[in-house]
Protein backbone atom coordinates (compact mmCIF):
# COMPACT_ATOMS: atom_id res chain seq x y z
CA MET A 1 17.67 -7.85 15.64
CA ARG A 2 15.16 -4.89 15.91
CA GLY A 3 15.81 -0.61 15.75
CA PRO A 4 17.74 1.31 14.15
CA THR A 5 20.88 0.32 12.04
CA ARG A 6 23.37 1.32 9.50
CA CYS A 7 24.18 -0.83 6.56
CA SER A 8 27.15 -0.48 3.87
CA GLY A 9 28.91 -2.67 1.58
CA SER A 10 28.27 -4.90 -1.19
CA LEU A 11 30.00 -8.39 -1.34
CA ILE A 12 33.00 -7.09 -2.91
CA GLN A 13 33.12 -4.53 0.05
CA ILE A 14 33.14 -7.58 2.45
CA GLY A 15 35.49 -9.20 0.28
CA VAL A 16 38.21 -6.47 0.48
CA ARG A 17 37.86 -6.36 4.18
CA ALA A 18 38.15 -9.29 4.92
CA MET A 19 41.37 -9.42 2.93
CA ARG A 20 42.75 -6.65 4.89
CA ILE A 21 41.96 -8.69 8.35
CA GLY A 22 44.57 -11.57 6.92
CA LYS A 23 46.97 -8.87 5.96
CA ARG A 24 47.05 -7.59 9.05
CA ALA A 25 46.76 -10.54 11.10
CA ALA A 26 49.90 -11.85 9.28
CA ARG A 27 52.04 -8.26 10.06
CA GLY A 28 51.10 -8.84 14.03
CA ASP A 29 48.57 -6.12 14.09
CA VAL A 30 46.14 -7.80 15.96
CA GLN A 31 43.97 -5.46 17.13
CA ARG A 32 43.22 -3.36 14.24
CA ALA A 33 42.85 -6.79 13.04
CA LEU A 34 40.40 -7.51 16.26
CA ARG A 35 38.70 -4.25 15.26
CA LEU A 36 38.52 -4.69 11.35
CA GLY A 37 37.22 -8.30 12.26
CA ILE A 38 33.84 -6.61 14.33
CA ALA A 39 33.12 -3.92 11.41
CA LEU A 40 32.96 -6.76 9.03
CA LEU A 41 30.97 -8.73 11.16
CA SER A 42 28.71 -6.12 12.01
CA VAL A 43 27.64 -5.31 8.02
CA LEU A 44 27.45 -9.31 7.31
CA LEU A 45 24.59 -9.32 10.43
CA CYS A 46 23.14 -6.34 8.96
CA THR A 47 22.89 -7.59 5.79
CA LEU A 48 21.22 -10.83 6.92
CA VAL A 49 18.70 -9.13 9.01
CA HIS A 50 17.72 -7.22 6.03
CA ALA A 51 17.73 -9.91 3.58
CA GLU A 52 15.36 -11.26 6.25
CA GLU A 53 12.53 -8.39 6.67
CA LEU A 54 12.79 -7.63 3.31
CA ALA A 55 12.72 -10.93 2.16
CA SER A 56 10.06 -10.56 -1.03
CA TRP A 57 12.58 -7.31 -2.38
CA ARG A 58 15.27 -8.40 -4.97
CA ASP A 59 18.21 -6.57 -3.97
CA GLY A 60 19.58 -4.57 -5.87
CA PRO A 61 19.17 -0.25 -6.33
CA VAL A 62 15.33 -0.05 -5.21
CA LYS A 63 15.61 -2.27 -2.13
CA GLN A 64 18.86 -0.22 -1.36
CA ALA A 65 17.55 2.84 -1.84
CA ILE A 66 14.61 1.50 1.41
CA ILE A 67 17.26 0.58 3.53
CA ASP A 68 19.73 3.53 3.09
CA PHE A 69 16.91 6.50 3.80
CA VAL A 70 15.51 4.59 6.47
CA SER A 71 19.05 3.98 7.89
CA ALA A 72 19.54 8.15 7.79
CA VAL A 73 16.44 8.64 9.04
CA THR A 74 16.55 6.49 12.12
CA THR A 75 20.30 6.58 13.33
CA PRO A 76 20.93 9.54 15.87
CA GLY A 77 23.48 11.59 15.09
CA SER A 78 23.02 11.08 11.19
CA ALA A 79 22.69 14.64 9.59
CA GLN A 80 19.33 13.59 8.31
CA PHE A 81 17.61 12.10 11.78
CA ILE A 82 13.93 12.48 12.22
CA GLU A 83 12.74 12.74 15.37
CA PRO A 84 9.83 9.63 15.57
CA PRO A 85 7.01 11.85 15.80
CA GLN A 86 7.73 12.97 12.07
CA ARG A 87 7.98 9.64 10.83
CA ILE A 88 4.96 9.40 8.90
CA ALA A 89 4.39 7.38 5.58
CA VAL A 90 1.33 7.13 3.64
CA PHE A 91 0.70 4.68 1.19
CA ASP A 92 -2.18 4.20 -1.47
CA ASN A 93 -4.26 0.66 -1.30
CA ASP A 94 -5.27 -0.51 -4.59
CA GLY A 95 -2.91 -1.45 -7.08
CA THR A 96 -0.05 -0.21 -3.85
CA LEU A 97 -0.95 -2.97 -0.94
CA TRP A 98 -3.05 -5.23 -2.85
CA ALA A 99 -4.05 -5.99 -6.52
CA GLU A 100 -6.77 -3.94 -8.12
CA GLN A 101 -7.00 -5.80 -11.75
CA PRO A 102 -9.98 -7.21 -13.40
CA ALA A 103 -11.34 -3.98 -10.90
CA TYR A 104 -11.16 -1.93 -8.01
CA PHE A 105 -11.87 -4.72 -5.72
CA GLN A 106 -14.81 -2.72 -4.10
CA LEU A 107 -16.44 -2.13 -6.99
CA LEU A 108 -16.75 -5.74 -7.63
CA PHE A 109 -17.65 -6.08 -3.85
CA ALA A 110 -20.57 -3.32 -5.12
CA PHE A 111 -21.68 -5.76 -7.88
CA ASP A 112 -21.64 -8.74 -5.98
CA ARG A 113 -23.94 -6.59 -3.70
CA ILE A 114 -26.41 -6.38 -6.26
CA LYS A 115 -26.54 -9.72 -7.55
CA ALA A 116 -27.65 -10.37 -3.63
CA LEU A 117 -30.14 -7.73 -2.85
CA ALA A 118 -32.07 -8.33 -6.82
CA PRO A 119 -34.54 -10.66 -5.96
CA SER A 120 -35.81 -8.34 -3.21
CA HIS A 121 -35.99 -5.23 -6.27
CA PRO A 122 -36.88 -6.94 -9.04
CA GLN A 123 -37.60 -3.87 -10.71
CA TRP A 124 -33.41 -3.94 -11.50
CA LYS A 125 -33.83 -6.45 -14.24
CA THR A 126 -35.15 -3.57 -16.44
CA GLN A 127 -33.45 -0.75 -14.68
CA GLN A 128 -29.88 0.87 -15.79
CA PRO A 129 -27.29 0.46 -13.70
CA TYR A 130 -28.65 -2.46 -12.13
CA ALA A 131 -29.16 -4.50 -15.00
CA ALA A 132 -26.28 -3.78 -16.59
CA VAL A 133 -24.57 -5.15 -13.59
CA LEU A 134 -26.87 -8.21 -13.23
CA ASN A 135 -26.56 -9.34 -17.39
CA ASN A 136 -22.47 -8.22 -16.65
CA ASP A 137 -22.78 -5.61 -19.46
CA MET A 138 -19.49 -3.52 -18.38
CA GLN A 139 -19.98 -1.82 -21.96
CA ALA A 140 -23.59 -0.13 -20.47
CA LEU A 141 -22.37 -0.01 -16.87
CA ALA A 142 -19.67 2.34 -18.55
CA ASP A 143 -21.90 4.06 -20.30
CA SER A 144 -23.84 4.88 -16.91
CA GLY A 145 -21.46 7.52 -15.95
CA GLU A 146 -20.40 8.17 -12.57
CA GLN A 147 -24.56 8.99 -12.31
CA GLY A 148 -24.66 5.09 -12.17
CA LEU A 149 -21.69 4.60 -10.46
CA LEU A 150 -23.38 6.24 -7.80
CA LYS A 151 -26.52 4.33 -8.01
CA ILE A 152 -24.94 1.62 -7.55
CA LEU A 153 -22.78 2.67 -4.29
CA ALA A 154 -26.19 4.70 -2.78
CA ALA A 155 -27.65 0.92 -3.03
CA THR A 156 -25.12 -1.33 -1.57
CA HIS A 157 -23.12 1.04 0.24
CA ALA A 158 -25.87 3.09 2.48
CA GLY A 159 -28.97 2.38 4.57
CA MET A 160 -27.31 0.44 6.91
CA THR A 161 -25.70 1.31 10.51
CA THR A 162 -22.02 1.39 10.30
CA ALA A 163 -21.82 -1.94 12.32
CA GLU A 164 -24.12 -3.46 9.65
CA PHE A 165 -21.57 -2.48 7.02
CA ARG A 166 -18.82 -3.64 8.70
CA GLN A 167 -20.36 -6.79 8.82
CA ILE A 168 -21.39 -7.32 5.11
CA VAL A 169 -17.74 -6.44 4.03
CA LEU A 170 -16.55 -9.16 6.51
CA ASP A 171 -18.76 -11.55 5.35
CA TRP A 172 -17.98 -10.58 1.49
CA LEU A 173 -14.02 -10.66 1.96
CA GLY A 174 -15.08 -14.40 4.18
CA SER A 175 -16.75 -16.12 1.06
CA ALA A 176 -15.68 -13.97 -2.43
CA ARG A 177 -13.17 -15.50 -4.60
CA HIS A 178 -10.70 -13.43 -7.37
CA PRO A 179 -11.79 -14.28 -10.75
CA ARG A 180 -8.11 -15.23 -11.95
CA PHE A 181 -7.40 -16.61 -8.49
CA GLY A 182 -9.81 -18.13 -7.31
CA ARG A 183 -8.82 -17.01 -3.63
CA PRO A 184 -10.10 -14.41 -1.38
CA TYR A 185 -9.30 -10.64 -1.80
CA THR A 186 -7.50 -10.19 1.19
CA GLU A 187 -4.85 -12.94 -0.29
CA LEU A 188 -4.34 -10.67 -2.82
CA VAL A 189 -2.07 -8.36 -0.88
CA TYR A 190 1.06 -8.23 -2.14
CA GLN A 191 3.71 -9.68 0.14
CA PRO A 192 6.85 -7.35 -0.58
CA MET A 193 4.50 -4.42 0.73
CA ARG A 194 3.18 -6.31 4.03
CA GLU A 195 7.53 -6.35 4.54
CA LEU A 196 7.84 -3.09 4.28
CA LEU A 197 4.99 -1.52 6.03
CA GLU A 198 6.39 -4.21 9.08
CA TYR A 199 10.37 -3.18 8.40
CA LEU A 200 9.17 0.92 8.23
CA ARG A 201 7.07 0.74 11.95
CA ASP A 202 9.94 -1.62 13.93
CA ARG A 203 11.95 1.55 13.04
CA GLY A 204 9.74 3.57 14.79
CA PHE A 205 7.12 5.28 11.78
CA LYS A 206 3.85 5.39 11.93
CA THR A 207 1.90 3.93 8.24
CA PHE A 208 -0.99 5.06 6.92
CA ILE A 209 -3.79 4.18 4.05
CA VAL A 210 -4.64 6.86 2.15
CA SER A 211 -6.70 5.63 -0.75
CA GLY A 212 -9.71 6.58 -2.56
CA GLY A 213 -11.68 3.42 -1.55
CA GLY A 214 -13.92 4.09 0.83
CA VAL A 215 -12.70 4.36 4.54
CA GLU A 216 -15.40 2.20 5.92
CA PHE A 217 -14.41 -0.71 3.37
CA MET A 218 -11.16 -0.86 3.96
CA ARG A 219 -11.12 -0.36 8.00
CA PRO A 220 -12.38 -3.92 8.51
CA PHE A 221 -9.43 -5.89 7.11
CA SER A 222 -6.72 -3.33 7.64
CA GLU A 223 -5.31 -4.54 10.66
CA SER A 224 -5.55 -8.06 10.08
CA ALA A 225 -4.39 -7.54 6.25
CA TYR A 226 -1.28 -4.76 6.57
CA GLY A 227 -1.18 -4.47 10.26
CA ILE A 228 -2.50 -0.52 9.81
CA VAL A 229 -5.32 -0.17 12.73
CA PRO A 230 -8.42 1.39 11.44
CA GLU A 231 -7.82 4.67 13.01
CA ARG A 232 -5.13 4.88 10.95
CA VAL A 233 -7.17 4.32 7.22
CA ILE A 234 -8.04 7.78 5.30
CA GLY A 235 -9.89 6.94 2.39
CA SER A 236 -13.60 8.13 0.98
CA ARG A 237 -16.27 8.39 3.09
CA VAL A 238 -20.43 8.64 2.43
CA ALA A 239 -22.11 10.91 5.23
CA THR A 240 -23.25 9.38 8.40
CA ARG A 241 -25.82 10.65 10.70
CA PHE A 242 -26.70 9.78 14.31
CA THR A 243 -30.29 8.42 15.01
CA MET A 244 -31.70 6.14 17.96
CA ARG A 245 -32.91 2.49 17.13
CA GLY A 246 -35.45 2.32 19.91
CA ASP A 247 -33.09 2.67 23.11
CA LYS A 248 -30.10 2.09 20.95
CA PRO A 249 -27.70 4.85 19.63
CA VAL A 250 -26.61 3.84 15.41
CA LEU A 251 -24.50 5.64 13.12
CA ILE A 252 -27.00 5.74 9.56
CA ARG A 253 -24.84 5.44 6.42
CA GLU A 254 -26.19 8.08 3.97
CA PRO A 255 -26.55 7.67 0.04
CA ILE A 256 -24.42 10.65 0.13
CA VAL A 257 -20.91 10.86 -0.83
CA GLU A 258 -19.06 13.44 1.43
CA PHE A 259 -15.47 13.77 0.45
CA VAL A 260 -13.52 11.48 -2.58
CA ASP A 261 -9.98 11.14 -1.02
CA ASP A 262 -8.05 11.03 -4.95
CA GLY A 263 -5.91 13.42 -6.57
CA PRO A 264 -5.65 16.63 -4.78
CA GLY A 265 -8.28 15.05 -2.05
CA LYS A 266 -5.02 13.15 -0.57
CA PRO A 267 -3.17 15.66 0.54
CA VAL A 268 -6.19 17.78 2.13
CA ALA A 269 -7.10 14.66 3.95
CA ILE A 270 -3.35 13.65 5.07
CA ASP A 271 -3.36 17.93 6.32
CA HIS A 272 -6.65 17.28 7.94
CA PHE A 273 -6.47 13.66 9.66
CA ILE A 274 -2.60 13.17 10.16
CA GLY A 275 -1.57 17.06 10.52
CA ARG A 276 2.02 15.97 9.89
CA PRO A 277 3.07 16.01 6.17
CA PRO A 278 4.21 12.44 5.07
CA VAL A 279 7.97 11.90 4.82
CA PHE A 280 7.64 8.41 3.26
CA ALA A 281 4.70 8.37 0.41
CA PHE A 282 3.89 5.05 -1.96
CA GLY A 283 1.95 4.82 -4.65
CA ASN A 284 1.11 3.55 -8.17
CA SER A 285 -1.00 5.87 -10.56
CA ASP A 286 -1.99 9.26 -11.69
CA GLY A 287 -4.06 9.47 -8.70
CA ASP A 288 -1.86 8.83 -5.95
CA LEU A 289 0.72 12.47 -7.91
CA PRO A 290 -0.42 15.39 -5.41
CA MET A 291 0.01 12.89 -2.46
CA LEU A 292 3.44 12.00 -3.77
CA GLN A 293 4.10 15.53 -4.56
CA TRP A 294 3.21 16.87 -1.03
CA THR A 295 5.49 14.41 0.24
CA ALA A 296 8.59 15.40 -2.04
CA ALA A 297 8.30 19.30 -1.09
CA THR A 298 8.38 18.81 2.47
CA PRO A 299 11.68 20.04 3.87
CA GLY A 300 14.10 17.61 4.50
CA PRO A 301 14.75 13.91 3.73
CA HIS A 302 11.84 12.00 2.28
CA PHE A 303 11.29 9.18 0.43
CA VAL A 304 9.05 8.89 -2.46
CA ALA A 305 7.76 5.93 -4.75
CA LEU A 306 5.99 4.38 -7.22
CA LEU A 307 4.68 0.83 -7.46
CA HIS A 308 5.38 -0.34 -11.70
CA HIS A 309 3.04 -3.40 -12.79
CA THR A 310 5.19 -4.75 -15.35
CA ASP A 311 4.39 -8.24 -14.76
CA GLY A 312 1.79 -9.96 -16.54
CA ASP A 313 2.85 -13.92 -15.59
CA ARG A 314 2.46 -13.43 -12.15
CA GLU A 315 0.15 -10.15 -12.02
CA TRP A 316 -0.78 -8.03 -14.24
CA ALA A 317 1.08 -5.95 -16.55
CA TYR A 318 -0.15 -1.76 -17.29
CA ASP A 319 0.27 1.80 -16.75
CA ARG A 320 -0.24 4.60 -19.07
CA ARG A 321 -3.15 3.48 -21.06
CA SER A 322 -5.32 1.45 -18.26
CA ARG A 323 -8.59 2.18 -17.53
CA VAL A 324 -7.87 0.95 -14.20
CA GLY A 325 -4.90 2.48 -11.73
CA ARG A 326 -3.79 4.41 -15.09
CA LEU A 327 0.20 5.52 -14.41
CA ASP A 328 1.33 7.78 -16.87
CA GLN A 329 1.57 11.38 -15.94
CA ALA A 330 3.33 10.36 -12.54
CA LEU A 331 5.34 8.09 -13.97
CA ASP A 332 6.86 10.79 -16.03
CA GLN A 333 7.56 13.30 -13.11
CA ALA A 334 8.92 10.15 -11.35
CA VAL A 335 11.80 9.90 -13.75
CA VAL A 336 11.83 13.87 -14.10
CA ARG A 337 12.26 14.22 -10.23
CA GLY A 338 14.14 11.09 -9.33
CA TRP A 339 11.50 9.19 -7.38
CA VAL A 340 12.49 5.65 -6.72
CA VAL A 341 10.53 3.32 -9.48
CA VAL A 342 10.02 -0.19 -8.38
CA ASP A 343 9.48 -2.30 -11.24
CA MET A 344 7.42 -5.56 -10.15
CA LYS A 345 9.18 -7.96 -12.21
CA ARG A 346 12.52 -6.73 -11.77
CA ASP A 347 12.22 -5.96 -8.04
CA TRP A 348 10.22 -8.46 -6.47
CA ARG A 349 11.33 -11.50 -6.18
CA ARG A 350 7.71 -12.92 -5.35
CA VAL A 351 4.02 -11.30 -5.70
CA PHE A 352 1.95 -12.92 -3.03
CA ALA A 353 2.26 -15.46 0.17
CA PHE A 354 0.33 -18.23 -1.54
CA GLU A 355 3.36 -18.17 -4.40
CA GLY A 356 5.62 -19.97 -1.53
CA ALA A 357 8.97 -19.03 -0.29
CA ALA A 358 10.67 -16.05 -2.02
CA GLN A 359 13.31 -17.16 -4.65
CA ARG A 360 16.82 -15.60 -5.30
């Protein structure tokens, strides 16, 4: 069962309605009892449909808030109805759609690339920041600062064509394994968020990734992992230039960061690439705050949410003091502004698909 639906009613309300049906039938008011019965059946069916589509979300205020908002803005005649072209939903990637610990996965990709390229660059054994990566010396790497990271990115993300880089990313995703879970990084996608993305698209929303990660790093797997086509992936990017290799035209990736799609860069990128303000925005860190603020300031109905990492057993628990995905100012703003805060431990039945069937 697909399409816009509007559910209302708890189990208690359903029980009350069932009692009314019985009383009216007993009084001989069969027609009214039948109408009430049909309404009750609709509520039950609607509840079952939503339970199936958002199976990894626990029943409660957060799941209900999602259902209520989506139902209100997709039901024709509703005071909050939003026309399909305006149903723009934006999602951060790292820490929102997939995990981001113990470090952003693109950074781990860069580290693996340094190690793979090291035999061709023997000087790296004594040159920072490459030596820090080769020796797994995270303190020395941190001491190299932003310039050190830029050197690593230049060495691992530039100097090849866009097609060559795409294949390098796909090869890494196919072979690399997460240090804690021992699984491919694409298996660290959050199952509840996959369900949410599909739930929105089934109701006429266009879903976009708006991430600080590199756009060419995310596009090779975005469609298979999230159902988000490459042209709806917005991210940080390096400069590229057109040239000819013999008689073949190619785009070469330059060692120049052209745009950082993080913090205030996110609303700028949304306006530039989408051209419409979002009505649904989901993030997990202070880097997403400007995107959430901009969405919340959009006239008309909107939904703004933060994912709070609170599950140290199934994933990680971190927020205000984390060096990765810090959630501090945005968490305060969520409380003040009444944004939805998803508590991973409380609101998700399961985190990853490999955990097995969702448990109640």
